[in-house]
Amino acid sequence: MAQKFWLTVKPLAKHENVILHSDGELLASVSAPANEGKANSHLIELLAEYFHTAKSNIRILRGQRSRRKLIEID
């Protein structure tokens, strides 16, 4: 069953990491810039590593061009 959740992305960060807040929302910091989809592709790689799944199992449902995104993981 697929999991959906909201997360906020911080592009051009010094360190790449994923943090779970107490309200259940994730904050992901990626080192890539937020242009031409570079931050989104780095985000998918980072989430695949964090959730121990393949990159093909992760999709951005909403927020392709914003910092707040709805993510689905199969």
Protein backbone atom coordinates (compact mmCIF):
# COMPACT_ATOMS: atom_id res chain seq x y z
CA MET A 1 0.00 0.00 0.00
CA ALA A 2 1.32 3.43 -0.93
CA GLN A 3 2.16 6.01 1.73
CA LYS A 4 1.53 9.69 1.08
CA PHE A 5 3.00 12.50 3.12
CA TRP A 6 3.89 16.18 2.92
CA LEU A 7 7.44 17.39 3.11
CA THR A 8 9.32 20.65 2.83
CA VAL A 9 12.50 20.87 0.77
CA LYS A 10 15.41 23.18 1.53
CA PRO A 11 17.59 23.50 -1.61
CA LEU A 12 21.27 24.56 -1.62
CA ALA A 13 21.86 23.17 1.87
CA LYS A 14 25.36 22.46 3.16
CA HIS A 15 24.41 18.96 4.31
CA GLU A 16 21.84 16.56 2.86
CA ASN A 17 19.50 15.01 5.42
CA VAL A 18 15.89 14.20 6.25
CA ILE A 19 14.35 15.27 9.57
CA LEU A 20 11.00 14.12 10.97
CA HIS A 21 9.17 16.84 12.90
CA SER A 22 6.86 16.11 15.82
CA ASP A 23 3.80 16.97 13.70
CA GLY A 24 4.66 14.14 11.29
CA GLU A 25 5.95 16.34 8.46
CA LEU A 26 9.37 15.81 6.97
CA LEU A 27 12.03 18.41 6.22
CA ALA A 28 14.55 17.43 3.55
CA SER A 29 17.73 19.40 2.90
CA VAL A 30 19.39 18.87 -0.49
CA SER A 31 22.60 20.39 -1.82
CA ALA A 32 21.29 20.83 -5.38
CA PRO A 33 19.87 24.13 -6.65
CA ALA A 34 16.16 24.49 -7.24
CA ASN A 35 16.33 24.87 -11.01
CA GLU A 36 15.71 22.48 -13.90
CA GLY A 37 14.48 19.78 -11.50
CA LYS A 38 17.91 19.17 -9.95
CA ALA A 39 16.65 19.52 -6.39
CA ASN A 40 13.72 17.17 -7.10
CA SER A 41 16.00 14.45 -8.48
CA HIS A 42 18.34 14.79 -5.50
CA LEU A 43 15.31 14.69 -3.21
CA ILE A 44 14.14 11.40 -4.71
CA GLU A 45 17.62 9.90 -4.27
CA LEU A 46 17.76 11.11 -0.67
CA LEU A 47 14.30 9.73 0.16
CA ALA A 48 15.11 6.38 -1.46
CA GLU A 49 18.13 6.09 0.81
CA TYR A 50 16.17 7.25 3.88
CA PHE A 51 13.27 4.80 3.35
CA HIS A 52 15.47 1.96 2.01
CA THR A 53 13.56 1.64 -1.25
CA ALA A 54 14.19 2.06 -4.97
CA LYS A 55 14.04 5.51 -6.55
CA SER A 56 11.33 4.24 -8.92
CA ASN A 57 9.01 3.72 -5.92
CA ILE A 58 8.99 7.43 -5.04
CA ARG A 59 6.83 10.00 -6.85
CA ILE A 60 6.16 13.70 -6.37
CA LEU A 61 2.39 14.08 -6.65
CA ARG A 62 2.13 17.81 -5.97
CA GLY A 63 4.59 20.66 -5.68
CA GLN A 64 6.94 20.01 -8.59
CA ARG A 65 7.95 23.69 -8.51
CA SER A 66 7.45 24.53 -4.84
CA ARG A 67 9.27 23.77 -1.61
CA ARG A 68 6.25 22.01 -0.08
CA LYS A 69 5.59 18.69 -1.81
CA LEU A 70 3.21 15.76 -1.57
CA ILE A 71 5.22 12.54 -1.93
CA GLU A 72 3.99 9.00 -2.53
CA ILE A 73 6.07 5.93 -1.75
CA ASP A 74 5.04 2.46 -2.92
